[in-house]
Amino acid sequence: MALQHANSGVVMDLNAPSAEPGRAQTRALVKSDSFEAIQLLVCAGNEIPPHQVAGKFTLSCMEGRVIIHLDNEDVELSMGQWVFFDGGVRHSVEAVEDSSLLLTIIFGHAPGLAA
């Protein structure tokens, strides 16, 4: 089944549905030439394994609490908090509580953003 992406001006409901225990779930919201937005649902005690993306990215914690493991430090993100990373940063995401995150990946150089 193909994922339903948002169309311009269409409101999307980001209230977190229940995630399947034992795994992280993703829901692609929109993808364009310049960015992609994805909702991540991670149950407490589960982890998104170490990975990296080429583009700059942000994570917004809409519900719960996670720890973002970086090579040299850990960053804790709680409900209502937001963090920005440069592209190529290797990281994993561990859910301390059942969590809903909004991930935005920026492709290439977007006008108005520092390079």
C-alpha atoms as a PDB file:
ATOM      1  CA  MET A   1       0.000   0.000   0.000  1.00  0.00           C
ATOM      2  CA  ALA A   2       1.450   3.387  -0.998  1.00  0.00           C
ATOM      3  CA  LEU A   3       1.943   5.975   1.726  1.00  0.00           C
ATOM      4  CA  GLN A   4      -0.315   9.024   1.565  1.00  0.00           C
ATOM      5  CA  HIS A   5       1.749  12.209   1.372  1.00  0.00           C
ATOM      6  CA  ALA A   6       0.436  15.642   2.280  1.00  0.00           C
ATOM      7  CA  ASN A   7      -0.635  18.004  -0.456  1.00  0.00           C
ATOM      8  CA  SER A   8      -0.068  21.747  -0.246  1.00  0.00           C
ATOM      9  CA  GLY A   9      -2.495  23.304   2.231  1.00  0.00           C
ATOM     10  CA  VAL A  10      -3.856  19.982   3.542  1.00  0.00           C
ATOM     11  CA  VAL A  11      -3.852  19.608   7.343  1.00  0.00           C
ATOM     12  CA  MET A  12      -2.274  16.368   8.624  1.00  0.00           C
ATOM     13  CA  ASP A  13      -3.125  14.857  12.020  1.00  0.00           C
ATOM     14  CA  LEU A  14       0.116  14.273  13.963  1.00  0.00           C
ATOM     15  CA  ASN A  15      -1.546  12.936  17.108  1.00  0.00           C
ATOM     16  CA  ALA A  16       0.484   9.833  17.773  1.00  0.00           C
ATOM     17  CA  PRO A  17      -1.262   6.572  16.987  1.00  0.00           C
ATOM     18  CA  SER A  18      -0.072   3.614  19.056  1.00  0.00           C
ATOM     19  CA  ALA A  19       3.259   2.257  17.877  1.00  0.00           C
ATOM     20  CA  GLU A  20       3.748  -1.477  17.520  1.00  0.00           C
ATOM     21  CA  PRO A  21       5.681  -2.733  20.554  1.00  0.00           C
ATOM     22  CA  GLY A  22       9.234  -3.790  19.781  1.00  0.00           C
ATOM     23  CA  ARG A  23       9.865  -1.573  16.768  1.00  0.00           C
ATOM     24  CA  ALA A  24       9.970   1.966  15.480  1.00  0.00           C
ATOM     25  CA  GLN A  25       7.371   3.036  12.938  1.00  0.00           C
ATOM     26  CA  THR A  26       7.671   5.798  10.388  1.00  0.00           C
ATOM     27  CA  ARG A  27       5.052   7.748   8.493  1.00  0.00           C
ATOM     28  CA  ALA A  28       6.201   9.801   5.524  1.00  0.00           C
ATOM     29  CA  LEU A  29       4.311  13.101   5.554  1.00  0.00           C
ATOM     30  CA  VAL A  30       5.737  14.879   2.520  1.00  0.00           C
ATOM     31  CA  LYS A  31       8.756  14.652   0.231  1.00  0.00           C
ATOM     32  CA  SER A  32       9.842  17.281  -2.260  1.00  0.00           C
ATOM     33  CA  ASP A  33      13.042  18.213  -4.074  1.00  0.00           C
ATOM     34  CA  SER A  34      14.117  20.381  -1.115  1.00  0.00           C
ATOM     35  CA  PHE A  35      12.934  18.529   2.020  1.00  0.00           C
ATOM     36  CA  GLU A  36      11.259  15.496   3.527  1.00  0.00           C
ATOM     37  CA  ALA A  37       9.095  15.354   6.670  1.00  0.00           C
ATOM     38  CA  ILE A  38       8.594  12.064   8.525  1.00  0.00           C
ATOM     39  CA  GLN A  39       6.785  11.170  11.740  1.00  0.00           C
ATOM     40  CA  LEU A  40       8.679   8.647  13.885  1.00  0.00           C
ATOM     41  CA  LEU A  41       6.946   6.574  16.580  1.00  0.00           C
ATOM     42  CA  VAL A  42       9.297   4.756  18.953  1.00  0.00           C
ATOM     43  CA  CYS A  43       8.154   2.667  21.934  1.00  0.00           C
ATOM     44  CA  ALA A  44       9.961   3.002  25.266  1.00  0.00           C
ATOM     45  CA  GLY A  45      13.078   0.840  25.388  1.00  0.00           C
ATOM     46  CA  ASN A  46      13.425   0.613  21.607  1.00  0.00           C
ATOM     47  CA  GLU A  47      16.116   2.208  19.472  1.00  0.00           C
ATOM     48  CA  ILE A  48      16.503   3.371  15.894  1.00  0.00           C
ATOM     49  CA  PRO A  49      19.951   1.927  15.041  1.00  0.00           C
ATOM     50  CA  PRO A  50      22.972   4.147  14.238  1.00  0.00           C
ATOM     51  CA  HIS A  51      22.722   5.819  10.835  1.00  0.00           C
ATOM     52  CA  GLN A  52      23.342   9.122   9.071  1.00  0.00           C
ATOM     53  CA  VAL A  53      21.641  11.233   6.431  1.00  0.00           C
ATOM     54  CA  ALA A  54      23.355  13.455   3.879  1.00  0.00           C
ATOM     55  CA  GLY A  55      21.144  16.502   4.446  1.00  0.00           C
ATOM     56  CA  LYS A  56      20.836  18.780   7.437  1.00  0.00           C
ATOM     57  CA  PHE A  57      17.989  17.636   9.665  1.00  0.00           C
ATOM     58  CA  THR A  58      15.835  18.575  12.619  1.00  0.00           C
ATOM     59  CA  LEU A  59      14.057  16.475  15.212  1.00  0.00           C
ATOM     60  CA  SER A  60      11.067  17.806  17.148  1.00  0.00           C
ATOM     61  CA  CYS A  61       9.804  15.780  20.104  1.00  0.00           C
ATOM     62  CA  MET A  62       6.025  15.998  20.062  1.00  0.00           C
ATOM     63  CA  GLU A  63       5.450  13.414  22.783  1.00  0.00           C
ATOM     64  CA  GLY A  64       7.628  11.388  25.157  1.00  0.00           C
ATOM     65  CA  ARG A  65      11.372  11.515  25.686  1.00  0.00           C
ATOM     66  CA  VAL A  66      14.321  10.189  23.655  1.00  0.00           C
ATOM     67  CA  ILE A  67      18.096  10.127  23.855  1.00  0.00           C
ATOM     68  CA  ILE A  68      19.969  10.884  20.644  1.00  0.00           C
ATOM     69  CA  HIS A  69      23.288   9.045  20.779  1.00  0.00           C
ATOM     70  CA  LEU A  70      26.071  10.817  18.882  1.00  0.00           C
ATOM     71  CA  ASP A  71      29.704   9.721  18.504  1.00  0.00           C
ATOM     72  CA  ASN A  72      30.948  11.909  21.377  1.00  0.00           C
ATOM     73  CA  GLU A  73      27.860  12.751  23.443  1.00  0.00           C
ATOM     74  CA  ASP A  74      24.215  12.060  24.121  1.00  0.00           C
ATOM     75  CA  VAL A  75      21.446  14.627  23.643  1.00  0.00           C
ATOM     76  CA  GLU A  76      18.155  14.227  25.508  1.00  0.00           C
ATOM     77  CA  LEU A  77      15.033  15.519  23.795  1.00  0.00           C
ATOM     78  CA  SER A  78      11.702  15.861  25.644  1.00  0.00           C
ATOM     79  CA  MET A  79       8.210  16.879  24.595  1.00  0.00           C
ATOM     80  CA  GLY A  80       8.209  20.375  23.110  1.00  0.00           C
ATOM     81  CA  GLN A  81      11.949  20.414  22.371  1.00  0.00           C
ATOM     82  CA  TRP A  82      13.642  20.704  18.965  1.00  0.00           C
ATOM     83  CA  VAL A  83      17.206  20.094  17.767  1.00  0.00           C
ATOM     84  CA  PHE A  84      19.111  20.770  14.514  1.00  0.00           C
ATOM     85  CA  PHE A  85      22.025  18.740  13.105  1.00  0.00           C
ATOM     86  CA  ASP A  86      24.341  19.192  10.131  1.00  0.00           C
ATOM     87  CA  GLY A  87      24.259  16.498   7.469  1.00  0.00           C
ATOM     88  CA  GLY A  88      26.422  13.425   7.907  1.00  0.00           C
ATOM     89  CA  VAL A  89      26.093  13.301  11.710  1.00  0.00           C
ATOM     90  CA  ARG A  90      26.014   9.636  12.747  1.00  0.00           C
ATOM     91  CA  HIS A  91      23.347   9.073  15.400  1.00  0.00           C
ATOM     92  CA  SER A  92      20.860   6.649  16.899  1.00  0.00           C
ATOM     93  CA  VAL A  93      17.614   7.395  18.729  1.00  0.00           C
ATOM     94  CA  GLU A  94      16.636   5.580  21.937  1.00  0.00           C
ATOM     95  CA  ALA A  95      13.138   6.027  23.367  1.00  0.00           C
ATOM     96  CA  VAL A  96      13.084   6.500  27.141  1.00  0.00           C
ATOM     97  CA  GLU A  97       9.281   6.868  26.958  1.00  0.00           C
ATOM     98  CA  ASP A  98       6.830   6.078  24.161  1.00  0.00           C
ATOM     99  CA  SER A  99       7.684   8.913  21.778  1.00  0.00           C
ATOM    100  CA  SER A 100       6.463  10.717  18.683  1.00  0.00           C
ATOM    101  CA  LEU A 101       9.057  12.726  16.734  1.00  0.00           C
ATOM    102  CA  LEU A 102       8.871  14.939  13.676  1.00  0.00           C
ATOM    103  CA  LEU A 103      11.944  14.534  11.471  1.00  0.00           C
ATOM    104  CA  THR A 104      12.660  17.080   8.737  1.00  0.00           C
ATOM    105  CA  ILE A 105      15.536  16.425   6.313  1.00  0.00           C
ATOM    106  CA  ILE A 106      16.752  19.318   4.154  1.00  0.00           C
ATOM    107  CA  PHE A 107      18.176  18.296   0.767  1.00  0.00           C
ATOM    108  CA  GLY A 108      20.954  20.335  -0.835  1.00  0.00           C
ATOM    109  CA  HIS A 109      21.304  24.031  -0.045  1.00  0.00           C
ATOM    110  CA  ALA A 110      17.985  25.653   0.773  1.00  0.00           C
ATOM    111  CA  PRO A 111      17.838  29.464   0.304  1.00  0.00           C
ATOM    112  CA  GLY A 112      18.079  31.361   3.569  1.00  0.00           C
ATOM    113  CA  LEU A 113      19.953  28.624   5.480  1.00  0.00           C
ATOM    114  CA  ALA A 114      23.588  28.949   6.390  1.00  0.00           C
ATOM    115  CA  ALA A 115      25.787  26.523   4.509  1.00  0.00           C
END
